[in-house]
Amino acid sequence: MLDYRLEHILSYSATLRPPEVIGPLPEGIRANFYVTAGSVQGPRVKGQILPVGGDWLTIRTDGIGVLDVRATFQTHDGALIYTTYSGVADLGEDGYQKFLRQDLPPFISLRIAPRYHTADPKYLWLNRIQCLGIGQVDMARLEVSYDVYAVR
């Protein structure tokens, strides 16, 4: 076994606009969710999520949602941190059809692999880590929340 540990680095939540649905397309349903606001809290990172990012989600015919997220955090001390991540949302075997009918469960689990990018000297350590995130989306409130862990 390889030696590793998970270290909690931050948690965040963001509110989203209702999706911009493009599709269905040959590769699945494209649904773009744009960030309106959010907050970041962690032992070494605190701040807000700027309303400039979103999730360019593709829902495959097998009910798996493939996340493609880009967002910017602004820390309490003014640093900008860009994040990108992919991940999955399992909407169930009939999730594709349920999305088309707008009949999704109230909460959907999310699993992500985020990376962070910054030029601010106080946060350069973020450029060097790979993270795992566990989250969920509240479909009624259009709010997503995550706990993010560095793999050490």
C-alpha atoms as a PDB file:
ATOM      1  CA  MET A   1       0.000   0.000   0.000  1.00  0.00           C
ATOM      2  CA  LEU A   2       1.123   3.492  -0.750  1.00  0.00           C
ATOM      3  CA  ASP A   3       1.293   5.899   2.140  1.00  0.00           C
ATOM      4  CA  TYR A   4      -1.194   8.786   1.969  1.00  0.00           C
ATOM      5  CA  ARG A   5      -3.514  10.832   4.111  1.00  0.00           C
ATOM      6  CA  LEU A   6      -6.331  13.275   3.449  1.00  0.00           C
ATOM      7  CA  GLU A   7      -6.115  16.778   4.895  1.00  0.00           C
ATOM      8  CA  HIS A   8      -9.214  18.992   4.964  1.00  0.00           C
ATOM      9  CA  ILE A   9      -8.230  22.269   3.323  1.00  0.00           C
ATOM     10  CA  LEU A  10     -11.542  24.029   2.728  1.00  0.00           C
ATOM     11  CA  SER A  11     -15.295  23.819   2.446  1.00  0.00           C
ATOM     12  CA  TYR A  12     -17.431  25.950   0.229  1.00  0.00           C
ATOM     13  CA  SER A  13     -20.946  26.535  -0.957  1.00  0.00           C
ATOM     14  CA  ALA A  14     -22.243  28.400  -3.975  1.00  0.00           C
ATOM     15  CA  THR A  15     -25.609  29.389  -5.335  1.00  0.00           C
ATOM     16  CA  LEU A  16     -26.381  28.810  -9.000  1.00  0.00           C
ATOM     17  CA  ARG A  17     -28.663  30.300 -11.607  1.00  0.00           C
ATOM     18  CA  PRO A  18     -31.245  27.943 -13.129  1.00  0.00           C
ATOM     19  CA  PRO A  19     -29.546  25.894 -15.822  1.00  0.00           C
ATOM     20  CA  GLU A  20     -29.117  26.954 -19.412  1.00  0.00           C
ATOM     21  CA  VAL A  21     -30.101  23.688 -21.107  1.00  0.00           C
ATOM     22  CA  ILE A  22     -28.578  23.031 -24.516  1.00  0.00           C
ATOM     23  CA  GLY A  23     -29.559  19.674 -25.883  1.00  0.00           C
ATOM     24  CA  PRO A  24     -30.071  16.879 -25.874  1.00  0.00           C
ATOM     25  CA  LEU A  25     -26.964  16.566 -28.033  1.00  0.00           C
ATOM     26  CA  PRO A  26     -25.299  13.425 -29.418  1.00  0.00           C
ATOM     27  CA  GLU A  27     -23.027  13.231 -26.340  1.00  0.00           C
ATOM     28  CA  GLY A  28     -25.866  13.868 -23.862  1.00  0.00           C
ATOM     29  CA  ILE A  29     -27.733  16.760 -22.324  1.00  0.00           C
ATOM     30  CA  ARG A  30     -25.634  19.885 -21.897  1.00  0.00           C
ATOM     31  CA  ALA A  31     -26.761  21.989 -18.930  1.00  0.00           C
ATOM     32  CA  ASN A  32     -24.741  25.050 -17.970  1.00  0.00           C
ATOM     33  CA  PHE A  33     -25.067  26.206 -14.359  1.00  0.00           C
ATOM     34  CA  TYR A  34     -23.566  29.637 -13.593  1.00  0.00           C
ATOM     35  CA  VAL A  35     -22.387  30.754 -10.137  1.00  0.00           C
ATOM     36  CA  THR A  36     -24.150  33.737  -8.570  1.00  0.00           C
ATOM     37  CA  ALA A  37     -22.334  33.855  -5.192  1.00  0.00           C
ATOM     38  CA  GLY A  38     -20.644  31.699  -2.612  1.00  0.00           C
ATOM     39  CA  SER A  39     -18.353  31.450   0.378  1.00  0.00           C
ATOM     40  CA  VAL A  40     -15.152  29.555   1.173  1.00  0.00           C
ATOM     41  CA  GLN A  41     -14.091  28.529   4.689  1.00  0.00           C
ATOM     42  CA  GLY A  42     -11.041  26.563   5.721  1.00  0.00           C
ATOM     43  CA  PRO A  43      -8.119  26.512   8.095  1.00  0.00           C
ATOM     44  CA  ARG A  44      -5.903  28.478   5.643  1.00  0.00           C
ATOM     45  CA  VAL A  45      -8.339  29.778   2.999  1.00  0.00           C
ATOM     46  CA  LYS A  46     -11.313  32.054   3.664  1.00  0.00           C
ATOM     47  CA  GLY A  47     -13.232  34.190   1.221  1.00  0.00           C
ATOM     48  CA  GLN A  48     -15.935  34.313  -1.387  1.00  0.00           C
ATOM     49  CA  ILE A  49     -16.697  32.770  -4.753  1.00  0.00           C
ATOM     50  CA  LEU A  50     -16.945  35.397  -7.438  1.00  0.00           C
ATOM     51  CA  PRO A  51     -19.975  35.311  -9.773  1.00  0.00           C
ATOM     52  CA  VAL A  52     -17.888  34.503 -12.858  1.00  0.00           C
ATOM     53  CA  GLY A  53     -17.773  30.702 -12.984  1.00  0.00           C
ATOM     54  CA  GLY A  54     -19.972  27.757 -13.623  1.00  0.00           C
ATOM     55  CA  ASP A  55     -20.421  24.097 -14.387  1.00  0.00           C
ATOM     56  CA  TRP A  56     -20.661  23.019 -18.013  1.00  0.00           C
ATOM     57  CA  LEU A  57     -22.400  19.761 -17.135  1.00  0.00           C
ATOM     58  CA  THR A  58     -23.012  16.895 -19.554  1.00  0.00           C
ATOM     59  CA  ILE A  59     -25.605  14.296 -18.560  1.00  0.00           C
ATOM     60  CA  ARG A  60     -24.948  11.023 -20.337  1.00  0.00           C
ATOM     61  CA  THR A  61     -27.700   8.625 -21.362  1.00  0.00           C
ATOM     62  CA  ASP A  62     -26.630   6.255 -18.534  1.00  0.00           C
ATOM     63  CA  GLY A  63     -27.582   8.912 -15.952  1.00  0.00           C
ATOM     64  CA  ILE A  64     -24.064  10.034 -15.058  1.00  0.00           C
ATOM     65  CA  GLY A  65     -23.483  13.776 -14.951  1.00  0.00           C
ATOM     66  CA  VAL A  66     -19.933  14.726 -15.944  1.00  0.00           C
ATOM     67  CA  LEU A  67     -18.916  17.981 -14.264  1.00  0.00           C
ATOM     68  CA  ASP A  68     -16.653  20.563 -15.923  1.00  0.00           C
ATOM     69  CA  VAL A  69     -16.305  23.423 -13.439  1.00  0.00           C
ATOM     70  CA  ARG A  70     -14.313  26.641 -13.455  1.00  0.00           C
ATOM     71  CA  ALA A  71     -14.576  29.305 -10.758  1.00  0.00           C
ATOM     72  CA  THR A  72     -12.600  32.018  -8.979  1.00  0.00           C
ATOM     73  CA  PHE A  73     -12.247  32.438  -5.233  1.00  0.00           C
ATOM     74  CA  GLN A  74     -11.293  35.789  -3.724  1.00  0.00           C
ATOM     75  CA  THR A  75      -9.746  35.374  -0.295  1.00  0.00           C
ATOM     76  CA  HIS A  76     -10.419  37.602   2.693  1.00  0.00           C
ATOM     77  CA  ASP A  77      -7.009  39.224   2.080  1.00  0.00           C
ATOM     78  CA  GLY A  78      -7.553  39.894  -1.635  1.00  0.00           C
ATOM     79  CA  ALA A  79      -5.860  36.946  -3.353  1.00  0.00           C
ATOM     80  CA  LEU A  80      -7.473  35.407  -6.429  1.00  0.00           C
ATOM     81  CA  ILE A  81      -7.521  31.618  -6.702  1.00  0.00           C
ATOM     82  CA  TYR A  82      -8.744  29.950  -9.874  1.00  0.00           C
ATOM     83  CA  THR A  83     -10.171  26.450  -9.552  1.00  0.00           C
ATOM     84  CA  THR A  84     -10.958  23.851 -12.152  1.00  0.00           C
ATOM     85  CA  TYR A  85     -12.357  20.405 -11.636  1.00  0.00           C
ATOM     86  CA  SER A  86     -14.017  17.468 -13.195  1.00  0.00           C
ATOM     87  CA  GLY A  87     -16.196  15.050 -11.364  1.00  0.00           C
ATOM     88  CA  VAL A  88     -19.314  12.935 -11.450  1.00  0.00           C
ATOM     89  CA  ALA A  89     -22.905  13.135 -10.288  1.00  0.00           C
ATOM     90  CA  ASP A  90     -24.797   9.852 -10.368  1.00  0.00           C
ATOM     91  CA  LEU A  91     -28.396  10.734 -11.208  1.00  0.00           C
ATOM     92  CA  GLY A  92     -29.433   7.072 -11.337  1.00  0.00           C
ATOM     93  CA  GLU A  93     -29.894   4.748 -14.288  1.00  0.00           C
ATOM     94  CA  ASP A  94     -32.904   6.787 -15.446  1.00  0.00           C
ATOM     95  CA  GLY A  95     -31.295  10.145 -14.597  1.00  0.00           C
ATOM     96  CA  TYR A  96     -31.130  11.266 -18.228  1.00  0.00           C
ATOM     97  CA  GLN A  97     -34.880  10.860 -18.674  1.00  0.00           C
ATOM     98  CA  LYS A  98     -35.577  12.348 -15.228  1.00  0.00           C
ATOM     99  CA  PHE A  99     -33.553  15.440 -16.114  1.00  0.00           C
ATOM    100  CA  LEU A 100     -35.549  15.852 -19.329  1.00  0.00           C
ATOM    101  CA  ARG A 101     -38.779  15.641 -17.272  1.00  0.00           C
ATOM    102  CA  GLN A 102     -37.332  17.942 -14.570  1.00  0.00           C
ATOM    103  CA  ASP A 103     -37.977  15.161 -12.054  1.00  0.00           C
ATOM    104  CA  LEU A 104     -34.647  14.917 -10.207  1.00  0.00           C
ATOM    105  CA  PRO A 105     -34.175  13.988  -6.538  1.00  0.00           C
ATOM    106  CA  PRO A 106     -33.901  16.943  -4.135  1.00  0.00           C
ATOM    107  CA  PHE A 107     -30.221  16.202  -3.337  1.00  0.00           C
ATOM    108  CA  ILE A 108     -27.577  14.784  -5.669  1.00  0.00           C
ATOM    109  CA  SER A 109     -24.155  13.565  -4.477  1.00  0.00           C
ATOM    110  CA  LEU A 110     -21.070  14.942  -6.207  1.00  0.00           C
ATOM    111  CA  ARG A 111     -17.483  13.639  -6.334  1.00  0.00           C
ATOM    112  CA  ILE A 112     -14.777  15.922  -7.700  1.00  0.00           C
ATOM    113  CA  ALA A 113     -11.011  16.225  -8.286  1.00  0.00           C
ATOM    114  CA  PRO A 114     -10.233  19.963  -7.962  1.00  0.00           C
ATOM    115  CA  ARG A 115      -6.983  21.809  -8.706  1.00  0.00           C
ATOM    116  CA  TYR A 116      -6.177  25.336  -7.579  1.00  0.00           C
ATOM    117  CA  HIS A 117      -4.102  27.996  -9.355  1.00  0.00           C
ATOM    118  CA  THR A 118      -2.829  31.295  -7.953  1.00  0.00           C
ATOM    119  CA  ALA A 119       0.066  33.726  -8.213  1.00  0.00           C
ATOM    120  CA  ASP A 120      -0.368  35.116  -4.691  1.00  0.00           C
ATOM    121  CA  PRO A 121       2.691  34.251  -2.540  1.00  0.00           C
ATOM    122  CA  LYS A 122       0.551  33.401   0.517  1.00  0.00           C
ATOM    123  CA  TYR A 123      -1.317  30.694  -1.381  1.00  0.00           C
ATOM    124  CA  LEU A 124       1.334  29.189  -3.704  1.00  0.00           C
ATOM    125  CA  TRP A 125       1.050  25.936  -1.728  1.00  0.00           C
ATOM    126  CA  LEU A 126      -2.339  25.411  -3.437  1.00  0.00           C
ATOM    127  CA  ASN A 127      -0.599  25.089  -6.829  1.00  0.00           C
ATOM    128  CA  ARG A 128       1.236  22.006  -5.574  1.00  0.00           C
ATOM    129  CA  ILE A 129      -1.618  19.816  -4.345  1.00  0.00           C
ATOM    130  CA  GLN A 130      -4.172  17.448  -5.822  1.00  0.00           C
ATOM    131  CA  CYS A 131      -7.489  17.424  -4.031  1.00  0.00           C
ATOM    132  CA  LEU A 132     -10.596  15.294  -3.668  1.00  0.00           C
ATOM    133  CA  GLY A 133     -13.975  16.791  -2.965  1.00  0.00           C
ATOM    134  CA  ILE A 134     -17.193  15.330  -1.609  1.00  0.00           C
ATOM    135  CA  GLY A 135     -20.306  17.372  -2.140  1.00  0.00           C
ATOM    136  CA  GLN A 136     -23.944  17.634  -2.969  1.00  0.00           C
ATOM    137  CA  VAL A 137     -26.309  19.885  -4.825  1.00  0.00           C
ATOM    138  CA  ASP A 138     -29.632  20.961  -3.334  1.00  0.00           C
ATOM    139  CA  MET A 139     -31.815  21.110  -6.456  1.00  0.00           C
ATOM    140  CA  ALA A 140     -34.622  23.097  -4.809  1.00  0.00           C
ATOM    141  CA  ARG A 141     -32.287  25.863  -3.634  1.00  0.00           C
ATOM    142  CA  LEU A 142     -29.803  25.495  -6.520  1.00  0.00           C
ATOM    143  CA  GLU A 143     -27.004  25.411  -3.972  1.00  0.00           C
ATOM    144  CA  VAL A 144     -23.891  23.277  -4.185  1.00  0.00           C
ATOM    145  CA  SER A 145     -21.585  22.537  -1.247  1.00  0.00           C
ATOM    146  CA  TYR A 146     -18.275  20.680  -0.936  1.00  0.00           C
ATOM    147  CA  ASP A 147     -15.686  19.549   1.563  1.00  0.00           C
ATOM    148  CA  VAL A 148     -12.269  19.477  -0.113  1.00  0.00           C
ATOM    149  CA  TYR A 149      -9.260  17.410   0.979  1.00  0.00           C
ATOM    150  CA  ALA A 150      -5.639  17.511  -0.157  1.00  0.00           C
ATOM    151  CA  VAL A 151      -4.131  14.101  -0.848  1.00  0.00           C
ATOM    152  CA  ARG A 152      -0.847  14.066   1.074  1.00  0.00           C
END
